[in-house]
Amino acid sequence: MRKRQTASRFARAVDRFLTHKRTLGHHYRQESWLLQRLECFVTESGRRDLDAKCFARWLMSLQDRHPNTRRKWYQIVRHFCCYRRRGEPGCFLPSADGVARPQPYVTPVIVEPRQIARMIGIASKLPNTSASPLRGPALRLTIVLLYTCGLRLGELLRLTMGDIEEQGTVLRIRESKFHKSRLVPLSRSVTRELQTYLRKRRKAFAAHPDTPLLCNRHGSRWRQYSHPGLQCAINQLFESAGVRDEQGERPRVHDLRHYPEFRTIPSKLTVAAPNPLFIGVGAALACGSTRHSQSNS
């Protein structure tokens, strides 16, 4: 019984905080996920509320995370506790100097146009499945948009049919990093790619404005691709296409968005047969479920 009361007390404070922020126009998706995760940790620890010892143990459970991630999460929780103290002066407040020091970010691996051409060619050859009727077209469009538009993977996954504007020449990115939105104009070549995908998508799925741009099928229903599922599929595509830098390092999915303003879709696609390492991409997609180009191709 106490655990339920503990969870409810903490949950009410989280709800008030999120309601306040969303009233100001913020979505606070990551903050909501993180605070709910912390709420579960407090409940499982048997504590009546978040305190210094419980918070210290929670920080210890995050040691496998990058220091910059731990720093951001610490700041989110402290911001929430500062808000809570306005109405509950006795609640716990993490110290301002306890946050992890920022660390240099990983040097990106720049993917070359010929490597992207191989990836697009392989994606185009992938057979569709009952769970992923747009397996090849969806992954092809994923590579095109990430590479030429400078989108983050989460931004791509959150795109809906209603976010395609001006007859498919502009994408609206809503509430992204730092809670900012932006418009991303597409080049002619990327617009053609998007229109080709949309024609195939309309035959397989509903095209309501709130339905995801990229989706697959779960039983008789459609569903959005998950972040881990699509990330796994792209990583397998890196392996299949042999995408490495001079030091043999494979790029991260996030590396595709570097320097997009200089990119268009490669004009000549080197279509290769799918590598055996990539055969499992269909399963990954099923389970998981151009910033603009200045030159027009």
C-alpha atoms as a PDB file:
ATOM      1  CA  MET A   1       0.000   0.000   0.000  1.00  0.00           C
ATOM      2  CA  ARG A   2       2.817   2.368   0.869  1.00  0.00           C
ATOM      3  CA  LYS A   3       4.450   1.759  -2.474  1.00  0.00           C
ATOM      4  CA  ARG A   4       1.267   2.790  -4.255  1.00  0.00           C
ATOM      5  CA  GLN A   5       1.037   5.961  -2.195  1.00  0.00           C
ATOM      6  CA  THR A   6       4.719   6.670  -2.842  1.00  0.00           C
ATOM      7  CA  ALA A   7       4.293   6.223  -6.588  1.00  0.00           C
ATOM      8  CA  SER A   8       1.131   8.344  -6.607  1.00  0.00           C
ATOM      9  CA  ARG A   9       2.762  11.199  -4.682  1.00  0.00           C
ATOM     10  CA  PHE A  10       5.750  11.281  -6.992  1.00  0.00           C
ATOM     11  CA  ALA A  11       3.567  10.742 -10.064  1.00  0.00           C
ATOM     12  CA  ARG A  12       1.325  13.671  -9.164  1.00  0.00           C
ATOM     13  CA  ALA A  13       4.353  15.947  -8.929  1.00  0.00           C
ATOM     14  CA  VAL A  14       5.555  14.704 -12.326  1.00  0.00           C
ATOM     15  CA  ASP A  15       2.096  15.238 -13.836  1.00  0.00           C
ATOM     16  CA  ARG A  16       1.951  18.803 -12.521  1.00  0.00           C
ATOM     17  CA  PHE A  17       5.397  19.533 -13.942  1.00  0.00           C
ATOM     18  CA  LEU A  18       4.639  18.071 -17.382  1.00  0.00           C
ATOM     19  CA  THR A  19       1.228  19.752 -17.538  1.00  0.00           C
ATOM     20  CA  HIS A  20       2.832  23.103 -16.737  1.00  0.00           C
ATOM     21  CA  LYS A  21       5.497  22.711 -19.414  1.00  0.00           C
ATOM     22  CA  ARG A  22       3.070  21.456 -22.048  1.00  0.00           C
ATOM     23  CA  THR A  23       0.801  24.401 -21.325  1.00  0.00           C
ATOM     24  CA  LEU A  24       3.739  26.540 -22.439  1.00  0.00           C
ATOM     25  CA  GLY A  25       3.798  24.678 -25.758  1.00  0.00           C
ATOM     26  CA  HIS A  26       6.488  22.050 -25.059  1.00  0.00           C
ATOM     27  CA  HIS A  27       5.964  18.343 -25.720  1.00  0.00           C
ATOM     28  CA  TYR A  28       8.598  17.167 -23.209  1.00  0.00           C
ATOM     29  CA  ARG A  29       8.706  13.621 -24.579  1.00  0.00           C
ATOM     30  CA  GLN A  30      12.164  12.751 -23.264  1.00  0.00           C
ATOM     31  CA  GLU A  31      11.509  14.450 -19.937  1.00  0.00           C
ATOM     32  CA  SER A  32       8.298  12.466 -19.522  1.00  0.00           C
ATOM     33  CA  TRP A  33      10.061   9.180 -20.299  1.00  0.00           C
ATOM     34  CA  LEU A  34      12.953   9.937 -17.949  1.00  0.00           C
ATOM     35  CA  LEU A  35      10.810  11.038 -15.002  1.00  0.00           C
ATOM     36  CA  GLN A  36       8.573   7.993 -15.358  1.00  0.00           C
ATOM     37  CA  ARG A  37      11.682   5.828 -15.344  1.00  0.00           C
ATOM     38  CA  LEU A  38      12.887   7.579 -12.186  1.00  0.00           C
ATOM     39  CA  GLU A  39       9.443   7.117 -10.639  1.00  0.00           C
ATOM     40  CA  CYS A  40       9.702   3.355 -11.208  1.00  0.00           C
ATOM     41  CA  PHE A  41      13.170   3.338  -9.650  1.00  0.00           C
ATOM     42  CA  VAL A  42      11.899   5.157  -6.543  1.00  0.00           C
ATOM     43  CA  THR A  43       9.007   2.724  -6.215  1.00  0.00           C
ATOM     44  CA  GLU A  44      11.205  -0.357  -6.649  1.00  0.00           C
ATOM     45  CA  SER A  45      13.635   1.020  -4.051  1.00  0.00           C
ATOM     46  CA  GLY A  46      10.845   1.055  -1.463  1.00  0.00           C
ATOM     47  CA  ARG A  47      11.300   4.759  -0.756  1.00  0.00           C
ATOM     48  CA  ARG A  48       8.495   7.077   0.239  1.00  0.00           C
ATOM     49  CA  ASP A  49       9.904   9.760  -2.040  1.00  0.00           C
ATOM     50  CA  LEU A  50      13.034  10.711  -3.922  1.00  0.00           C
ATOM     51  CA  ASP A  51      15.880  11.476  -1.513  1.00  0.00           C
ATOM     52  CA  ALA A  52      19.663  11.859  -1.671  1.00  0.00           C
ATOM     53  CA  LYS A  53      20.453   8.148  -1.183  1.00  0.00           C
ATOM     54  CA  CYS A  54      17.888   6.998  -3.723  1.00  0.00           C
ATOM     55  CA  PHE A  55      19.059   9.600  -6.228  1.00  0.00           C
ATOM     56  CA  ALA A  56      22.709   8.551  -5.730  1.00  0.00           C
ATOM     57  CA  ARG A  57      21.824   4.909  -6.427  1.00  0.00           C
ATOM     58  CA  TRP A  58      19.910   5.945  -9.539  1.00  0.00           C
ATOM     59  CA  LEU A  59      22.961   7.837 -10.782  1.00  0.00           C
ATOM     60  CA  MET A  60      25.099   4.747 -10.154  1.00  0.00           C
ATOM     61  CA  SER A  61      22.734   2.721 -12.340  1.00  0.00           C
ATOM     62  CA  LEU A  62      23.544   5.072 -15.236  1.00  0.00           C
ATOM     63  CA  GLN A  63      27.291   4.475 -15.281  1.00  0.00           C
ATOM     64  CA  ASP A  64      27.095   2.689 -18.635  1.00  0.00           C
ATOM     65  CA  ARG A  65      25.694   5.844 -20.248  1.00  0.00           C
ATOM     66  CA  HIS A  66      27.820   8.480 -21.951  1.00  0.00           C
ATOM     67  CA  PRO A  67      28.833  11.319 -19.580  1.00  0.00           C
ATOM     68  CA  ASN A  68      26.970  13.834 -21.715  1.00  0.00           C
ATOM     69  CA  THR A  69      23.801  11.731 -21.440  1.00  0.00           C
ATOM     70  CA  ARG A  70      24.189  11.485 -17.659  1.00  0.00           C
ATOM     71  CA  ARG A  71      24.750  15.233 -17.531  1.00  0.00           C
ATOM     72  CA  LYS A  72      21.568  15.969 -19.480  1.00  0.00           C
ATOM     73  CA  TRP A  73      19.456  13.559 -17.408  1.00  0.00           C
ATOM     74  CA  TYR A  74      20.817  15.035 -14.183  1.00  0.00           C
ATOM     75  CA  GLN A  75      19.829  18.506 -15.355  1.00  0.00           C
ATOM     76  CA  ILE A  76      16.317  17.331 -16.300  1.00  0.00           C
ATOM     77  CA  VAL A  77      15.741  15.830 -12.842  1.00  0.00           C
ATOM     78  CA  ARG A  78      17.167  18.893 -11.084  1.00  0.00           C
ATOM     79  CA  HIS A  79      14.952  21.167 -13.164  1.00  0.00           C
ATOM     80  CA  PHE A  80      11.934  19.081 -12.132  1.00  0.00           C
ATOM     81  CA  CYS A  81      12.963  19.209  -8.456  1.00  0.00           C
ATOM     82  CA  CYS A  82      13.420  22.991  -8.638  1.00  0.00           C
ATOM     83  CA  TYR A  83       9.885  23.294  -9.986  1.00  0.00           C
ATOM     84  CA  ARG A  84       8.576  20.975  -7.277  1.00  0.00           C
ATOM     85  CA  ARG A  85      10.217  22.987  -4.494  1.00  0.00           C
ATOM     86  CA  ARG A  86       8.012  25.949  -5.278  1.00  0.00           C
ATOM     87  CA  GLY A  87       5.069  24.106  -3.753  1.00  0.00           C
ATOM     88  CA  GLU A  88       6.945  21.547  -1.611  1.00  0.00           C
ATOM     89  CA  PRO A  89       9.869  23.333   0.110  1.00  0.00           C
ATOM     90  CA  GLY A  90      10.970  20.159   1.890  1.00  0.00           C
ATOM     91  CA  CYS A  91      11.397  17.969  -1.192  1.00  0.00           C
ATOM     92  CA  PHE A  92      14.831  16.728  -2.320  1.00  0.00           C
ATOM     93  CA  LEU A  93      16.880  18.966  -4.641  1.00  0.00           C
ATOM     94  CA  PRO A  94      20.094  17.690  -6.288  1.00  0.00           C
ATOM     95  CA  SER A  95      23.088  19.980  -5.908  1.00  0.00           C
ATOM     96  CA  ALA A  96      24.006  22.214  -8.824  1.00  0.00           C
ATOM     97  CA  ASP A  97      27.637  21.018  -8.820  1.00  0.00           C
ATOM     98  CA  GLY A  98      26.888  17.281  -8.913  1.00  0.00           C
ATOM     99  CA  VAL A  99      26.355  17.106 -12.661  1.00  0.00           C
ATOM    100  CA  ALA A 100      28.863  15.164 -14.776  1.00  0.00           C
ATOM    101  CA  ARG A 101      31.415  17.167 -16.711  1.00  0.00           C
ATOM    102  CA  PRO A 102      30.781  17.470 -20.449  1.00  0.00           C
ATOM    103  CA  GLN A 103      32.974  15.269 -22.628  1.00  0.00           C
ATOM    104  CA  PRO A 104      34.049  15.652 -26.269  1.00  0.00           C
ATOM    105  CA  TYR A 105      31.643  14.022 -28.656  1.00  0.00           C
ATOM    106  CA  VAL A 106      32.588  11.133 -30.921  1.00  0.00           C
ATOM    107  CA  THR A 107      34.244  12.166 -34.176  1.00  0.00           C
ATOM    108  CA  PRO A 108      31.753  11.383 -36.952  1.00  0.00           C
ATOM    109  CA  VAL A 109      32.528   9.036 -39.801  1.00  0.00           C
ATOM    110  CA  ILE A 110      31.666  10.886 -43.005  1.00  0.00           C
ATOM    111  CA  VAL A 111      29.823   8.592 -45.419  1.00  0.00           C
ATOM    112  CA  GLU A 112      30.893   9.008 -49.045  1.00  0.00           C
ATOM    113  CA  PRO A 113      28.421   9.324 -51.966  1.00  0.00           C
ATOM    114  CA  ARG A 114      29.586   6.021 -53.472  1.00  0.00           C
ATOM    115  CA  GLN A 115      28.858   4.287 -50.158  1.00  0.00           C
ATOM    116  CA  ILE A 116      25.399   5.837 -50.005  1.00  0.00           C
ATOM    117  CA  ALA A 117      24.811   4.696 -53.591  1.00  0.00           C
ATOM    118  CA  ARG A 118      25.599   1.115 -52.550  1.00  0.00           C
ATOM    119  CA  MET A 119      23.263   1.361 -49.558  1.00  0.00           C
ATOM    120  CA  ILE A 120      20.403   2.738 -51.655  1.00  0.00           C
ATOM    121  CA  GLY A 121      20.981   0.052 -54.278  1.00  0.00           C
ATOM    122  CA  ILE A 122      20.884  -2.758 -51.733  1.00  0.00           C
ATOM    123  CA  ALA A 123      17.806  -1.328 -50.006  1.00  0.00           C
ATOM    124  CA  SER A 124      16.029  -1.176 -53.368  1.00  0.00           C
ATOM    125  CA  LYS A 125      16.609  -4.918 -53.884  1.00  0.00           C
ATOM    126  CA  LEU A 126      15.167  -6.018 -50.527  1.00  0.00           C
ATOM    127  CA  PRO A 127      12.051  -8.175 -50.869  1.00  0.00           C
ATOM    128  CA  ASN A 128       8.894  -7.127 -49.058  1.00  0.00           C
ATOM    129  CA  THR A 129       7.284  -9.296 -46.379  1.00  0.00           C
ATOM    130  CA  SER A 130       3.771  -9.621 -44.975  1.00  0.00           C
ATOM    131  CA  ALA A 131       4.836  -7.701 -41.848  1.00  0.00           C
ATOM    132  CA  SER A 132       6.825  -5.156 -43.863  1.00  0.00           C
ATOM    133  CA  PRO A 133       5.037  -4.647 -47.192  1.00  0.00           C
ATOM    134  CA  LEU A 134       7.176  -1.556 -47.856  1.00  0.00           C
ATOM    135  CA  ARG A 135      10.434  -2.967 -46.521  1.00  0.00           C
ATOM    136  CA  GLY A 136      12.671  -1.896 -49.403  1.00  0.00           C
ATOM    137  CA  PRO A 137      10.988   1.429 -50.259  1.00  0.00           C
ATOM    138  CA  ALA A 138      10.854   2.476 -46.573  1.00  0.00           C
ATOM    139  CA  LEU A 139      14.528   1.772 -45.971  1.00  0.00           C
ATOM    140  CA  ARG A 140      15.509   3.438 -49.254  1.00  0.00           C
ATOM    141  CA  LEU A 141      13.596   6.597 -48.311  1.00  0.00           C
ATOM    142  CA  THR A 142      15.116   6.456 -44.820  1.00  0.00           C
ATOM    143  CA  ILE A 143      18.650   6.583 -46.217  1.00  0.00           C
ATOM    144  CA  VAL A 144      17.744   9.339 -48.688  1.00  0.00           C
ATOM    145  CA  LEU A 145      16.155  11.611 -46.060  1.00  0.00           C
ATOM    146  CA  LEU A 146      18.786  11.046 -43.382  1.00  0.00           C
ATOM    147  CA  TYR A 147      21.619  11.652 -45.828  1.00  0.00           C
ATOM    148  CA  THR A 148      20.304  14.617 -47.803  1.00  0.00           C
ATOM    149  CA  CYS A 149      18.071  16.422 -45.299  1.00  0.00           C
ATOM    150  CA  GLY A 150      20.173  16.240 -42.143  1.00  0.00           C
ATOM    151  CA  LEU A 151      17.336  14.655 -40.160  1.00  0.00           C
ATOM    152  CA  ARG A 152      17.838  12.882 -36.872  1.00  0.00           C
ATOM    153  CA  LEU A 153      16.458   9.353 -36.746  1.00  0.00           C
ATOM    154  CA  GLY A 154      13.874  10.333 -34.141  1.00  0.00           C
ATOM    155  CA  GLU A 155      12.731  13.250 -36.308  1.00  0.00           C
ATOM    156  CA  LEU A 156      12.255  10.905 -39.248  1.00  0.00           C
ATOM    157  CA  LEU A 157      10.280   8.402 -37.182  1.00  0.00           C
ATOM    158  CA  ARG A 158       7.957  11.128 -35.874  1.00  0.00           C
ATOM    159  CA  LEU A 159       7.086  12.392 -39.365  1.00  0.00           C
ATOM    160  CA  THR A 160       3.426  11.941 -40.218  1.00  0.00           C
ATOM    161  CA  MET A 161       1.561  12.246 -43.486  1.00  0.00           C
ATOM    162  CA  GLY A 162       0.362  15.656 -42.306  1.00  0.00           C
ATOM    163  CA  ASP A 163       3.967  16.867 -42.017  1.00  0.00           C
ATOM    164  CA  ILE A 164       4.434  16.662 -45.791  1.00  0.00           C
ATOM    165  CA  GLU A 165       3.611  20.104 -47.125  1.00  0.00           C
ATOM    166  CA  GLU A 166       3.635  22.060 -50.371  1.00  0.00           C
ATOM    167  CA  GLN A 167       2.825  18.992 -52.498  1.00  0.00           C
ATOM    168  CA  GLY A 168       5.709  16.986 -51.100  1.00  0.00           C
ATOM    169  CA  THR A 169       8.423  19.628 -51.437  1.00  0.00           C
ATOM    170  CA  VAL A 170       8.659  20.580 -47.738  1.00  0.00           C
ATOM    171  CA  LEU A 171       8.825  18.571 -44.504  1.00  0.00           C
ATOM    172  CA  ARG A 172       7.710  20.025 -41.185  1.00  0.00           C
ATOM    173  CA  ILE A 173       9.855  18.851 -38.269  1.00  0.00           C
ATOM    174  CA  ARG A 174       7.941  19.323 -35.032  1.00  0.00           C
ATOM    175  CA  GLU A 175       9.297  19.767 -31.506  1.00  0.00           C
ATOM    176  CA  SER A 176      12.782  18.408 -32.098  1.00  0.00           C
ATOM    177  CA  LYS A 177      15.956  19.100 -30.110  1.00  0.00           C
ATOM    178  CA  PHE A 178      15.593  22.020 -27.689  1.00  0.00           C
ATOM    179  CA  HIS A 179      11.833  21.825 -28.441  1.00  0.00           C
ATOM    180  CA  LYS A 180      12.262  23.661 -31.749  1.00  0.00           C
ATOM    181  CA  SER A 181      10.366  23.109 -34.991  1.00  0.00           C
ATOM    182  CA  ARG A 182      11.553  23.832 -38.511  1.00  0.00           C
ATOM    183  CA  LEU A 183      10.688  23.501 -42.195  1.00  0.00           C
ATOM    184  CA  VAL A 184      12.964  21.427 -44.438  1.00  0.00           C
ATOM    185  CA  PRO A 185      12.653  22.137 -48.187  1.00  0.00           C
ATOM    186  CA  LEU A 186      13.499  19.217 -50.481  1.00  0.00           C
ATOM    187  CA  SER A 187      15.422  19.210 -53.723  1.00  0.00           C
ATOM    188  CA  ARG A 188      13.774  17.943 -56.894  1.00  0.00           C
ATOM    189  CA  SER A 189      15.481  14.557 -56.710  1.00  0.00           C
ATOM    190  CA  VAL A 190      14.437  14.011 -53.093  1.00  0.00           C
ATOM    191  CA  THR A 191      10.898  15.162 -53.860  1.00  0.00           C
ATOM    192  CA  ARG A 192      10.720  12.526 -56.617  1.00  0.00           C
ATOM    193  CA  GLU A 193      11.923   9.873 -54.166  1.00  0.00           C
ATOM    194  CA  LEU A 194       9.304  10.916 -51.633  1.00  0.00           C
ATOM    195  CA  GLN A 195       6.498  10.957 -54.207  1.00  0.00           C
ATOM    196  CA  THR A 196       7.476   7.488 -55.421  1.00  0.00           C
ATOM    197  CA  TYR A 197       7.343   6.163 -51.872  1.00  0.00           C
ATOM    198  CA  LEU A 198       4.008   7.869 -51.156  1.00  0.00           C
ATOM    199  CA  ARG A 199       2.373   6.225 -54.172  1.00  0.00           C
ATOM    200  CA  LYS A 200       3.387   2.812 -52.856  1.00  0.00           C
ATOM    201  CA  ARG A 201       2.448   3.683 -49.289  1.00  0.00           C
ATOM    202  CA  ARG A 202      -1.086   4.746 -50.203  1.00  0.00           C
ATOM    203  CA  LYS A 203      -1.694   1.278 -51.657  1.00  0.00           C
ATOM    204  CA  ALA A 204      -0.556  -0.458 -48.465  1.00  0.00           C
ATOM    205  CA  PHE A 205      -1.639   1.828 -45.599  1.00  0.00           C
ATOM    206  CA  ALA A 206      -4.121   4.535 -44.713  1.00  0.00           C
ATOM    207  CA  ALA A 207      -2.994   8.069 -45.530  1.00  0.00           C
ATOM    208  CA  HIS A 208      -4.626  10.028 -42.710  1.00  0.00           C
ATOM    209  CA  PRO A 209      -2.675  13.151 -41.645  1.00  0.00           C
ATOM    210  CA  ASP A 210      -1.789  11.690 -38.233  1.00  0.00           C
ATOM    211  CA  THR A 211      -0.471   8.337 -39.510  1.00  0.00           C
ATOM    212  CA  PRO A 212       3.335   7.821 -39.563  1.00  0.00           C
ATOM    213  CA  LEU A 213       5.200   8.320 -42.811  1.00  0.00           C
ATOM    214  CA  LEU A 214       7.162   5.110 -42.180  1.00  0.00           C
ATOM    215  CA  CYS A 215       5.084   2.220 -40.883  1.00  0.00           C
ATOM    216  CA  ASN A 216       4.749  -1.533 -41.070  1.00  0.00           C
ATOM    217  CA  ARG A 217       2.058  -4.071 -40.211  1.00  0.00           C
ATOM    218  CA  HIS A 218       1.375  -5.820 -36.918  1.00  0.00           C
ATOM    219  CA  GLY A 219      -1.325  -8.394 -37.534  1.00  0.00           C
ATOM    220  CA  SER A 220      -4.168  -6.566 -39.231  1.00  0.00           C
ATOM    221  CA  ARG A 221      -3.049  -3.144 -37.983  1.00  0.00           C
ATOM    222  CA  TRP A 222      -0.328  -0.746 -39.036  1.00  0.00           C
ATOM    223  CA  ARG A 223       2.235   0.535 -36.569  1.00  0.00           C
ATOM    224  CA  GLN A 224       5.148   2.931 -36.528  1.00  0.00           C
ATOM    225  CA  TYR A 225       8.712   1.666 -36.799  1.00  0.00           C
ATOM    226  CA  SER A 226      10.531   1.737 -33.478  1.00  0.00           C
ATOM    227  CA  HIS A 227      13.778   3.630 -32.998  1.00  0.00           C
ATOM    228  CA  PRO A 228      15.829   0.495 -32.083  1.00  0.00           C
ATOM    229  CA  GLY A 229      14.319  -1.513 -34.935  1.00  0.00           C
ATOM    230  CA  LEU A 230      15.077   1.015 -37.664  1.00  0.00           C
ATOM    231  CA  GLN A 231      18.495   1.776 -36.187  1.00  0.00           C
ATOM    232  CA  CYS A 232      19.349  -1.926 -36.270  1.00  0.00           C
ATOM    233  CA  ALA A 233      18.221  -2.168 -39.892  1.00  0.00           C
ATOM    234  CA  ILE A 234      20.412   0.776 -40.933  1.00  0.00           C
ATOM    235  CA  ASN A 235      23.420  -0.656 -39.073  1.00  0.00           C
ATOM    236  CA  GLN A 236      22.951  -3.959 -40.887  1.00  0.00           C
ATOM    237  CA  LEU A 237      22.776  -2.026 -44.136  1.00  0.00           C
ATOM    238  CA  PHE A 238      26.116  -0.371 -43.257  1.00  0.00           C
ATOM    239  CA  GLU A 239      27.586  -3.852 -42.846  1.00  0.00           C
ATOM    240  CA  SER A 240      26.052  -5.202 -46.019  1.00  0.00           C
ATOM    241  CA  ALA A 241      27.347  -2.267 -48.087  1.00  0.00           C
ATOM    242  CA  GLY A 242      30.782  -2.380 -46.414  1.00  0.00           C
ATOM    243  CA  VAL A 243      30.589   1.217 -45.209  1.00  0.00           C
ATOM    244  CA  ARG A 244      33.771   1.982 -43.250  1.00  0.00           C
ATOM    245  CA  ASP A 245      36.253   4.819 -43.016  1.00  0.00           C
ATOM    246  CA  GLU A 246      40.010   4.548 -43.616  1.00  0.00           C
ATOM    247  CA  GLN A 247      40.524   3.327 -40.044  1.00  0.00           C
ATOM    248  CA  GLY A 248      37.903   0.621 -40.465  1.00  0.00           C
ATOM    249  CA  GLU A 249      35.327   2.369 -38.272  1.00  0.00           C
ATOM    250  CA  ARG A 250      31.675   1.907 -39.099  1.00  0.00           C
ATOM    251  CA  PRO A 251      29.592   5.106 -38.963  1.00  0.00           C
ATOM    252  CA  ARG A 252      26.810   5.645 -36.475  1.00  0.00           C
ATOM    253  CA  VAL A 253      23.334   6.285 -37.843  1.00  0.00           C
ATOM    254  CA  HIS A 254      23.650   9.847 -36.559  1.00  0.00           C
ATOM    255  CA  ASP A 255      26.726  10.378 -38.769  1.00  0.00           C
ATOM    256  CA  LEU A 256      24.520  10.376 -41.875  1.00  0.00           C
ATOM    257  CA  ARG A 257      23.288  13.879 -41.041  1.00  0.00           C
ATOM    258  CA  HIS A 258      26.694  15.624 -41.183  1.00  0.00           C
ATOM    259  CA  TYR A 259      27.169  18.192 -43.978  1.00  0.00           C
ATOM    260  CA  PRO A 260      23.795  17.515 -45.684  1.00  0.00           C
ATOM    261  CA  GLU A 261      23.755  20.954 -47.317  1.00  0.00           C
ATOM    262  CA  PHE A 262      26.314  19.719 -49.856  1.00  0.00           C
ATOM    263  CA  ARG A 263      24.485  16.537 -50.764  1.00  0.00           C
ATOM    264  CA  THR A 264      22.123  15.242 -53.375  1.00  0.00           C
ATOM    265  CA  ILE A 265      21.110  11.699 -54.155  1.00  0.00           C
ATOM    266  CA  PRO A 266      24.022   9.987 -55.960  1.00  0.00           C
ATOM    267  CA  SER A 267      23.197  10.053 -59.654  1.00  0.00           C
ATOM    268  CA  LYS A 268      24.561   6.576 -60.358  1.00  0.00           C
ATOM    269  CA  LEU A 269      23.539   3.809 -58.014  1.00  0.00           C
ATOM    270  CA  THR A 270      25.831   0.824 -57.629  1.00  0.00           C
ATOM    271  CA  VAL A 271      23.306  -1.933 -57.093  1.00  0.00           C
ATOM    272  CA  ALA A 272      24.843  -4.916 -55.359  1.00  0.00           C
ATOM    273  CA  ALA A 273      23.364  -8.210 -54.269  1.00  0.00           C
ATOM    274  CA  PRO A 274      22.354  -8.220 -50.597  1.00  0.00           C
ATOM    275  CA  ASN A 275      25.109  -9.366 -48.277  1.00  0.00           C
ATOM    276  CA  PRO A 276      24.251 -12.407 -46.078  1.00  0.00           C
ATOM    277  CA  LEU A 277      24.792 -10.174 -43.058  1.00  0.00           C
ATOM    278  CA  PHE A 278      21.796  -8.125 -44.162  1.00  0.00           C
ATOM    279  CA  ILE A 279      19.299 -10.954 -44.492  1.00  0.00           C
ATOM    280  CA  GLY A 280      18.072 -10.320 -40.956  1.00  0.00           C
ATOM    281  CA  VAL A 281      17.062  -6.732 -41.656  1.00  0.00           C
ATOM    282  CA  GLY A 282      13.488  -7.751 -42.402  1.00  0.00           C
ATOM    283  CA  ALA A 283      13.176  -9.254 -38.951  1.00  0.00           C
ATOM    284  CA  ALA A 284      14.699  -6.158 -37.410  1.00  0.00           C
ATOM    285  CA  LEU A 285      12.233  -3.912 -39.207  1.00  0.00           C
ATOM    286  CA  ALA A 286       9.290  -6.141 -38.332  1.00  0.00           C
ATOM    287  CA  CYS A 287      10.267  -6.279 -34.673  1.00  0.00           C
ATOM    288  CA  GLY A 288      10.869  -2.552 -34.559  1.00  0.00           C
ATOM    289  CA  SER A 289       7.897  -2.272 -35.508  1.00  0.00           C
ATOM    290  CA  THR A 290      16.801  16.246 -48.502  1.00  0.00           C
ATOM    291  CA  ARG A 291      18.283  19.785 -44.113  1.00  0.00           C
ATOM    292  CA  HIS A 292      17.870  20.722 -47.665  1.00  0.00           C
ATOM    293  CA  SER A 293      20.026  19.953 -50.687  1.00  0.00           C
ATOM    294  CA  GLN A 294      21.175  23.104 -52.439  1.00  0.00           C
ATOM    295  CA  SER A 295      21.774  21.330 -55.735  1.00  0.00           C
ATOM    296  CA  ASN A 296      18.970  19.777 -57.727  1.00  0.00           C
ATOM    297  CA  SER A 297      19.679  16.541 -59.467  1.00  0.00           C
END
